[in-house]
Amino acid sequence: MVEVFKTNVKEYPDAQKILARIHTSFVGYKASFDLEDCDKILRIVSLDGTVQSDAIMGLIKKMGYNVSVLPDEVPTVTKRL
């Protein structure tokens, strides 16, 4: 499973600290940041099941950052006749 989060992390050293904490606390997760994205994306892949979103957000908030689940956006398809 994959979960994508919006964060306010701006610096790579901060992102590296968060990633290290996630990888230590959640065995089986692969996490990465895209700080170039306007939403400062944190992407987490669980190799053995679901992503514990609430636990991830709690950990990141304890570290002093804002984080929220980025909702899935399904593009609407219009059919032309």
PDB file of N, CA and C in Angstrom:
ATOM      1  N   MET A   1       0.838  -1.170   0.000  1.00  0.00           N
ATOM      2  CA  MET A   1       0.000   0.000   0.000  1.00  0.00           C
ATOM      3  C   MET A   1       0.886   1.237   0.000  1.00  0.00           C
ATOM      4  N   VAL A   2       0.371   2.308  -0.607  1.00  0.00           N
ATOM      5  CA  VAL A   2       1.084   3.580  -0.672  1.00  0.00           C
ATOM      6  C   VAL A   2       0.209   4.656  -0.040  1.00  0.00           C
ATOM      7  N   GLU A   3       0.832   5.518   0.755  1.00  0.00           N
ATOM      8  CA  GLU A   3       0.127   6.675   1.323  1.00  0.00           C
ATOM      9  C   GLU A   3       0.979   7.905   1.031  1.00  0.00           C
ATOM     10  N   VAL A   4       0.308   8.992   0.669  1.00  0.00           N
ATOM     11  CA  VAL A   4       0.994  10.232   0.333  1.00  0.00           C
ATOM     12  C   VAL A   4       0.523  11.315   1.300  1.00  0.00           C
ATOM     13  N   PHE A   5       1.498  12.061   1.829  1.00  0.00           N
ATOM     14  CA  PHE A   5       1.227  13.093   2.822  1.00  0.00           C
ATOM     15  C   PHE A   5       1.719  14.452   2.331  1.00  0.00           C
ATOM     16  N   LYS A   6       1.007  15.475   2.729  1.00  0.00           N
ATOM     17  CA  LYS A   6       1.415  16.861   2.512  1.00  0.00           C
ATOM     18  C   LYS A   6       2.110  17.308   3.798  1.00  0.00           C
ATOM     19  N   THR A   7       3.277  17.964   3.676  1.00  0.00           N
ATOM     20  CA  THR A   7       4.012  18.397   4.860  1.00  0.00           C
ATOM     21  C   THR A   7       4.464  19.851   4.703  1.00  0.00           C
ATOM     22  N   ASN A   8       5.068  20.372   5.759  1.00  0.00           N
ATOM     23  CA  ASN A   8       5.685  21.700   5.676  1.00  0.00           C
ATOM     24  C   ASN A   8       7.207  21.605   5.821  1.00  0.00           C
ATOM     25  N   VAL A   9       7.757  20.435   5.559  1.00  0.00           N
ATOM     26  CA  VAL A   9       9.208  20.225   5.627  1.00  0.00           C
ATOM     27  C   VAL A   9       9.836  20.923   4.425  1.00  0.00           C
ATOM     28  N   LYS A  10      10.834  21.768   4.693  1.00  0.00           N
ATOM     29  CA  LYS A  10      11.420  22.552   3.599  1.00  0.00           C
ATOM     30  C   LYS A  10      12.870  22.211   3.304  1.00  0.00           C
ATOM     31  N   GLU A  11      13.591  21.719   4.292  1.00  0.00           N
ATOM     32  CA  GLU A  11      15.025  21.487   4.146  1.00  0.00           C
ATOM     33  C   GLU A  11      15.343  19.998   4.104  1.00  0.00           C
ATOM     34  N   TYR A  12      16.312  19.633   3.261  1.00  0.00           N
ATOM     35  CA  TYR A  12      16.694  18.230   3.135  1.00  0.00           C
ATOM     36  C   TYR A  12      17.243  17.622   4.424  1.00  0.00           C
ATOM     37  N   PRO A  13      18.035  18.352   5.229  1.00  0.00           N
ATOM     38  CA  PRO A  13      18.472  17.735   6.493  1.00  0.00           C
ATOM     39  C   PRO A  13      17.301  17.366   7.412  1.00  0.00           C
ATOM     40  N   ASP A  14      16.262  18.198   7.423  1.00  0.00           N
ATOM     41  CA  ASP A  14      15.069  17.886   8.218  1.00  0.00           C
ATOM     42  C   ASP A  14      14.367  16.648   7.657  1.00  0.00           C
ATOM     43  N   ALA A  15      14.263  16.582   6.344  1.00  0.00           N
ATOM     44  CA  ALA A  15      13.634  15.427   5.702  1.00  0.00           C
ATOM     45  C   ALA A  15      14.411  14.153   6.025  1.00  0.00           C
ATOM     46  N   GLN A  16      15.737  14.228   6.023  1.00  0.00           N
ATOM     47  CA  GLN A  16      16.555  13.058   6.321  1.00  0.00           C
ATOM     48  C   GLN A  16      16.331  12.567   7.753  1.00  0.00           C
ATOM     49  N   LYS A  17      16.180  13.504   8.702  1.00  0.00           N
ATOM     50  CA  LYS A  17      15.903  13.114  10.096  1.00  0.00           C
ATOM     51  C   LYS A  17      14.570  12.389  10.205  1.00  0.00           C
ATOM     52  N   ILE A  18      13.575  12.924   9.521  1.00  0.00           N
ATOM     53  CA  ILE A  18      12.239  12.308   9.548  1.00  0.00           C
ATOM     54  C   ILE A  18      12.282  10.924   8.915  1.00  0.00           C
ATOM     55  N   LEU A  19      12.944  10.805   7.770  1.00  0.00           N
ATOM     56  CA  LEU A  19      13.035   9.507   7.095  1.00  0.00           C
ATOM     57  C   LEU A  19      13.742   8.482   7.982  1.00  0.00           C
ATOM     58  N   ALA A  20      14.807   8.902   8.640  1.00  0.00           N
ATOM     59  CA  ALA A  20      15.527   7.978   9.532  1.00  0.00           C
ATOM     60  C   ALA A  20      14.619   7.504  10.657  1.00  0.00           C
ATOM     61  N   ARG A  21      13.838   8.409  11.226  1.00  0.00           N
ATOM     62  CA  ARG A  21      12.934   8.048  12.325  1.00  0.00           C
ATOM     63  C   ARG A  21      11.843   7.107  11.829  1.00  0.00           C
ATOM     64  N   ILE A  22      11.301   7.365  10.643  1.00  0.00           N
ATOM     65  CA  ILE A  22      10.263   6.496  10.076  1.00  0.00           C
ATOM     66  C   ILE A  22      10.830   5.094   9.835  1.00  0.00           C
ATOM     67  N   HIS A  23      12.003   5.022   9.221  1.00  0.00           N
ATOM     68  CA  HIS A  23      12.578   3.717   8.899  1.00  0.00           C
ATOM     69  C   HIS A  23      12.969   2.942  10.152  1.00  0.00           C
ATOM     70  N   THR A  24      13.308   3.653  11.227  1.00  0.00           N
ATOM     71  CA  THR A  24      13.626   2.986  12.495  1.00  0.00           C
ATOM     72  C   THR A  24      12.362   2.512  13.201  1.00  0.00           C
ATOM     73  N   SER A  25      11.321   3.327  13.152  1.00  0.00           N
ATOM     74  CA  SER A  25      10.089   3.045  13.895  1.00  0.00           C
ATOM     75  C   SER A  25       9.135   2.103  13.174  1.00  0.00           C
ATOM     76  N   PHE A  26       9.199   2.074  11.863  1.00  0.00           N
ATOM     77  CA  PHE A  26       8.247   1.298  11.068  1.00  0.00           C
ATOM     78  C   PHE A  26       9.006   0.382  10.107  1.00  0.00           C
ATOM     79  N   VAL A  27       9.332  -0.791  10.585  1.00  0.00           N
ATOM     80  CA  VAL A  27      10.029  -1.766   9.753  1.00  0.00           C
ATOM     81  C   VAL A  27       9.093  -2.177   8.622  1.00  0.00           C
ATOM     82  N   GLY A  28       9.606  -2.238   7.423  1.00  0.00           N
ATOM     83  CA  GLY A  28       8.782  -2.624   6.274  1.00  0.00           C
ATOM     84  C   GLY A  28       8.229  -1.436   5.508  1.00  0.00           C
ATOM     85  N   TYR A  29       8.567  -0.211   5.927  1.00  0.00           N
ATOM     86  CA  TYR A  29       8.140   0.984   5.196  1.00  0.00           C
ATOM     87  C   TYR A  29       9.317   1.537   4.400  1.00  0.00           C
ATOM     88  N   LYS A  30       9.032   1.999   3.194  1.00  0.00           N
ATOM     89  CA  LYS A  30      10.001   2.750   2.405  1.00  0.00           C
ATOM     90  C   LYS A  30       9.423   4.153   2.269  1.00  0.00           C
ATOM     91  N   ALA A  31      10.146   5.147   2.747  1.00  0.00           N
ATOM     92  CA  ALA A  31       9.649   6.519   2.736  1.00  0.00           C
ATOM     93  C   ALA A  31      10.579   7.399   1.928  1.00  0.00           C
ATOM     94  N   SER A  32       9.993   8.406   1.278  1.00  0.00           N
ATOM     95  CA  SER A  32      10.794   9.365   0.524  1.00  0.00           C
ATOM     96  C   SER A  32      10.059  10.704   0.484  1.00  0.00           C
ATOM     97  N   PHE A  33      10.829  11.777   0.336  1.00  0.00           N
ATOM     98  CA  PHE A  33      10.277  13.122   0.228  1.00  0.00           C
ATOM     99  C   PHE A  33      10.458  13.649  -1.181  1.00  0.00           C
ATOM    100  N   ASP A  34       9.538  14.502  -1.596  1.00  0.00           N
ATOM    101  CA  ASP A  34       9.693  15.322  -2.796  1.00  0.00           C
ATOM    102  C   ASP A  34       9.526  16.765  -2.347  1.00  0.00           C
ATOM    103  N   LEU A  35      10.629  17.401  -1.972  1.00  0.00           N
ATOM    104  CA  LEU A  35      10.569  18.768  -1.466  1.00  0.00           C
ATOM    105  C   LEU A  35      10.444  19.782  -2.590  1.00  0.00           C
ATOM    106  N   GLU A  36      10.588  19.345  -3.828  1.00  0.00           N
ATOM    107  CA  GLU A  36      10.399  20.241  -4.966  1.00  0.00           C
ATOM    108  C   GLU A  36       8.904  20.462  -5.250  1.00  0.00           C
ATOM    109  N   ASP A  37       8.077  19.533  -4.843  1.00  0.00           N
ATOM    110  CA  ASP A  37       6.630  19.648  -5.018  1.00  0.00           C
ATOM    111  C   ASP A  37       6.092  20.736  -4.098  1.00  0.00           C
ATOM    112  N   CYS A  38       5.083  21.451  -4.543  1.00  0.00           N
ATOM    113  CA  CYS A  38       4.518  22.548  -3.743  1.00  0.00           C
ATOM    114  C   CYS A  38       3.930  22.053  -2.424  1.00  0.00           C
ATOM    115  N   ASP A  39       3.554  20.780  -2.339  1.00  0.00           N
ATOM    116  CA  ASP A  39       2.988  20.206  -1.118  1.00  0.00           C
ATOM    117  C   ASP A  39       4.033  19.519  -0.245  1.00  0.00           C
ATOM    118  N   LYS A  40       5.317  19.589  -0.628  1.00  0.00           N
ATOM    119  CA  LYS A  40       6.405  18.977   0.152  1.00  0.00           C
ATOM    120  C   LYS A  40       6.040  17.535   0.515  1.00  0.00           C
ATOM    121  N   ILE A  41       5.855  16.746  -0.514  1.00  0.00           N
ATOM    122  CA  ILE A  41       5.284  15.403  -0.423  1.00  0.00           C
ATOM    123  C   ILE A  41       6.169  14.424   0.336  1.00  0.00           C
ATOM    124  N   LEU A  42       5.545  13.672   1.222  1.00  0.00           N
ATOM    125  CA  LEU A  42       6.147  12.501   1.857  1.00  0.00           C
ATOM    126  C   LEU A  42       5.374  11.303   1.330  1.00  0.00           C
ATOM    127  N   ARG A  43       6.077  10.370   0.718  1.00  0.00           N
ATOM    128  CA  ARG A  43       5.447   9.173   0.154  1.00  0.00           C
ATOM    129  C   ARG A  43       5.943   7.971   0.934  1.00  0.00           C
ATOM    130  N   ILE A  44       5.014   7.150   1.393  1.00  0.00           N
ATOM    131  CA  ILE A  44       5.371   5.958   2.160  1.00  0.00           C
ATOM    132  C   ILE A  44       4.751   4.733   1.507  1.00  0.00           C
ATOM    133  N   VAL A  45       5.590   3.742   1.298  1.00  0.00           N
ATOM    134  CA  VAL A  45       5.156   2.460   0.759  1.00  0.00           C
ATOM    135  C   VAL A  45       5.334   1.430   1.859  1.00  0.00           C
ATOM    136  N   SER A  46       4.285   0.680   2.138  1.00  0.00           N
ATOM    137  CA  SER A  46       4.364  -0.423   3.100  1.00  0.00           C
ATOM    138  C   SER A  46       4.603  -1.699   2.320  1.00  0.00           C
ATOM    139  N   LEU A  47       5.671  -2.380   2.662  1.00  0.00           N
ATOM    140  CA  LEU A  47       6.017  -3.611   1.961  1.00  0.00           C
ATOM    141  C   LEU A  47       5.213  -4.801   2.462  1.00  0.00           C
ATOM    142  N   ASP A  48       4.587  -4.671   3.666  1.00  0.00           N
ATOM    143  CA  ASP A  48       3.837  -5.792   4.201  1.00  0.00           C
ATOM    144  C   ASP A  48       2.428  -5.447   4.656  1.00  0.00           C
ATOM    145  N   GLY A  49       1.771  -4.513   4.048  1.00  0.00           N
ATOM    146  CA  GLY A  49       0.389  -4.222   4.433  1.00  0.00           C
ATOM    147  C   GLY A  49       0.053  -2.749   4.313  1.00  0.00           C
ATOM    148  N   THR A  50      -0.798  -2.298   5.219  1.00  0.00           N
ATOM    149  CA  THR A  50      -1.265  -0.928   5.166  1.00  0.00           C
ATOM    150  C   THR A  50      -0.295   0.019   5.869  1.00  0.00           C
ATOM    151  N   VAL A  51      -0.371   1.286   5.492  1.00  0.00           N
ATOM    152  CA  VAL A  51       0.423   2.334   6.132  1.00  0.00           C
ATOM    153  C   VAL A  51      -0.379   2.849   7.327  1.00  0.00           C
ATOM    154  N   GLN A  52       0.248   2.917   8.478  1.00  0.00           N
ATOM    155  CA  GLN A  52      -0.395   3.423   9.682  1.00  0.00           C
ATOM    156  C   GLN A  52      -0.340   4.952   9.663  1.00  0.00           C
ATOM    157  N   SER A  53      -1.263   5.556   8.935  1.00  0.00           N
ATOM    158  CA  SER A  53      -1.253   6.998   8.698  1.00  0.00           C
ATOM    159  C   SER A  53      -1.274   7.809   9.984  1.00  0.00           C
ATOM    160  N   ASP A  54      -2.142   7.437  10.932  1.00  0.00           N
ATOM    161  CA  ASP A  54      -2.237   8.184  12.182  1.00  0.00           C
ATOM    162  C   ASP A  54      -0.934   8.143  12.967  1.00  0.00           C
ATOM    163  N   ALA A  55      -0.289   6.981  12.991  1.00  0.00           N
ATOM    164  CA  ALA A  55       0.978   6.846  13.708  1.00  0.00           C
ATOM    165  C   ALA A  55       2.077   7.661  13.030  1.00  0.00           C
ATOM    166  N   ILE A  56       2.105   7.653  11.714  1.00  0.00           N
ATOM    167  CA  ILE A  56       3.090   8.449  10.967  1.00  0.00           C
ATOM    168  C   ILE A  56       2.881   9.925  11.256  1.00  0.00           C
ATOM    169  N   MET A  57       1.630  10.376  11.178  1.00  0.00           N
ATOM    170  CA  MET A  57       1.348  11.796  11.417  1.00  0.00           C
ATOM    171  C   MET A  57       1.688  12.188  12.850  1.00  0.00           C
ATOM    172  N   GLY A  58       1.402  11.318  13.806  1.00  0.00           N
ATOM    173  CA  GLY A  58       1.748  11.603  15.200  1.00  0.00           C
ATOM    174  C   GLY A  58       3.245  11.761  15.384  1.00  0.00           C
ATOM    175  N   LEU A  59       4.022  10.879  14.768  1.00  0.00           N
ATOM    176  CA  LEU A  59       5.476  10.932  14.858  1.00  0.00           C
ATOM    177  C   LEU A  59       6.006  12.244  14.278  1.00  0.00           C
ATOM    178  N   ILE A  60       5.510  12.613  13.103  1.00  0.00           N
ATOM    179  CA  ILE A  60       6.000  13.817  12.438  1.00  0.00           C
ATOM    180  C   ILE A  60       5.579  15.070  13.201  1.00  0.00           C
ATOM    181  N   LYS A  61       4.365  15.072  13.725  1.00  0.00           N
ATOM    182  CA  LYS A  61       3.904  16.228  14.516  1.00  0.00           C
ATOM    183  C   LYS A  61       4.726  16.374  15.791  1.00  0.00           C
ATOM    184  N   LYS A  62       5.102  15.252  16.424  1.00  0.00           N
ATOM    185  CA  LYS A  62       5.958  15.308  17.611  1.00  0.00           C
ATOM    186  C   LYS A  62       7.314  15.909  17.286  1.00  0.00           C
ATOM    187  N   MET A  63       7.736  15.770  16.037  1.00  0.00           N
ATOM    188  CA  MET A  63       9.012  16.338  15.604  1.00  0.00           C
ATOM    189  C   MET A  63       8.876  17.821  15.243  1.00  0.00           C
ATOM    190  N   GLY A  64       7.649  18.353  15.316  1.00  0.00           N
ATOM    191  CA  GLY A  64       7.440  19.782  15.112  1.00  0.00           C
ATOM    192  C   GLY A  64       7.010  20.207  13.720  1.00  0.00           C
ATOM    193  N   TYR A  65       6.532  19.280  12.923  1.00  0.00           N
ATOM    194  CA  TYR A  65       6.130  19.606  11.554  1.00  0.00           C
ATOM    195  C   TYR A  65       4.640  19.365  11.356  1.00  0.00           C
ATOM    196  N   ASN A  66       4.092  20.039  10.373  1.00  0.00           N
ATOM    197  CA  ASN A  66       2.697  19.824   9.982  1.00  0.00           C
ATOM    198  C   ASN A  66       2.659  18.713   8.944  1.00  0.00           C
ATOM    199  N   VAL A  67       1.641  17.884   9.035  1.00  0.00           N
ATOM    200  CA  VAL A  67       1.487  16.783   8.089  1.00  0.00           C
ATOM    201  C   VAL A  67       0.015  16.415   7.996  1.00  0.00           C
ATOM    202  N   SER A  68      -0.420  16.066   6.792  1.00  0.00           N
ATOM    203  CA  SER A  68      -1.782  15.582   6.587  1.00  0.00           C
ATOM    204  C   SER A  68      -1.783  14.636   5.396  1.00  0.00           C
ATOM    205  N   VAL A  69      -2.740  13.729   5.400  1.00  0.00           N
ATOM    206  CA  VAL A  69      -2.881  12.806   4.273  1.00  0.00           C
ATOM    207  C   VAL A  69      -3.345  13.598   3.070  1.00  0.00           C
ATOM    208  N   LEU A  70      -2.680  13.398   1.961  1.00  0.00           N
ATOM    209  CA  LEU A  70      -3.089  14.045   0.716  1.00  0.00           C
ATOM    210  C   LEU A  70      -4.178  13.191   0.094  1.00  0.00           C
ATOM    211  N   PRO A  71      -5.375  13.751  -0.069  1.00  0.00           N
ATOM    212  CA  PRO A  71      -6.474  12.928  -0.594  1.00  0.00           C
ATOM    213  C   PRO A  71      -6.219  12.504  -2.040  1.00  0.00           C
ATOM    214  N   ASP A  72      -6.711  11.327  -2.364  1.00  0.00           N
ATOM    215  CA  ASP A  72      -6.628  10.855  -3.745  1.00  0.00           C
ATOM    216  C   ASP A  72      -7.485  11.748  -4.610  1.00  0.00           C
ATOM    217  N   GLU A  73      -6.922  12.162  -5.711  1.00  0.00           N
ATOM    218  CA  GLU A  73      -7.706  12.950  -6.661  1.00  0.00           C
ATOM    219  C   GLU A  73      -7.860  12.129  -7.924  1.00  0.00           C
ATOM    220  N   VAL A  74      -9.073  11.749  -8.182  1.00  0.00           N
ATOM    221  CA  VAL A  74      -9.364  10.976  -9.380  1.00  0.00           C
ATOM    222  C   VAL A  74      -9.882  11.945 -10.427  1.00  0.00           C
ATOM    223  N   PRO A  75      -9.160  12.077 -11.546  1.00  0.00           N
ATOM    224  CA  PRO A  75      -9.616  13.004 -12.569  1.00  0.00           C
ATOM    225  C   PRO A  75     -10.944  12.563 -13.154  1.00  0.00           C
ATOM    226  N   THR A  76     -11.780  13.538 -13.407  1.00  0.00           N
ATOM    227  CA  THR A  76     -13.062  13.216 -14.028  1.00  0.00           C
ATOM    228  C   THR A  76     -12.849  13.112 -15.534  1.00  0.00           C
ATOM    229  N   VAL A  77     -13.476  12.115 -16.097  1.00  0.00           N
ATOM    230  CA  VAL A  77     -13.357  11.888 -17.530  1.00  0.00           C
ATOM    231  C   VAL A  77     -14.688  12.256 -18.164  1.00  0.00           C
ATOM    232  N   THR A  78     -14.614  13.128 -19.126  1.00  0.00           N
ATOM    233  CA  THR A  78     -15.843  13.476 -19.840  1.00  0.00           C
ATOM    234  C   THR A  78     -15.844  12.750 -21.172  1.00  0.00           C
ATOM    235  N   LYS A  79     -16.956  12.164 -21.450  1.00  0.00           N
ATOM    236  CA  LYS A  79     -17.075  11.396 -22.681  1.00  0.00           C
ATOM    237  C   LYS A  79     -17.753  12.268 -23.731  1.00  0.00           C
ATOM    238  N   ARG A  80     -17.096  12.368 -24.853  1.00  0.00           N
ATOM    239  CA  ARG A  80     -17.676  13.142 -25.971  1.00  0.00           C
ATOM    240  C   ARG A  80     -18.465  12.214 -26.872  1.00  0.00           C
ATOM    241  N   LEU A  81     -19.574  12.718 -27.283  1.00  0.00           N
ATOM    242  CA  LEU A  81     -20.422  11.914 -28.180  1.00  0.00           C
ATOM    243  C   LEU A  81     -20.174  12.259 -29.614  1.00  0.00           C
TER     244      LEU A  81
END
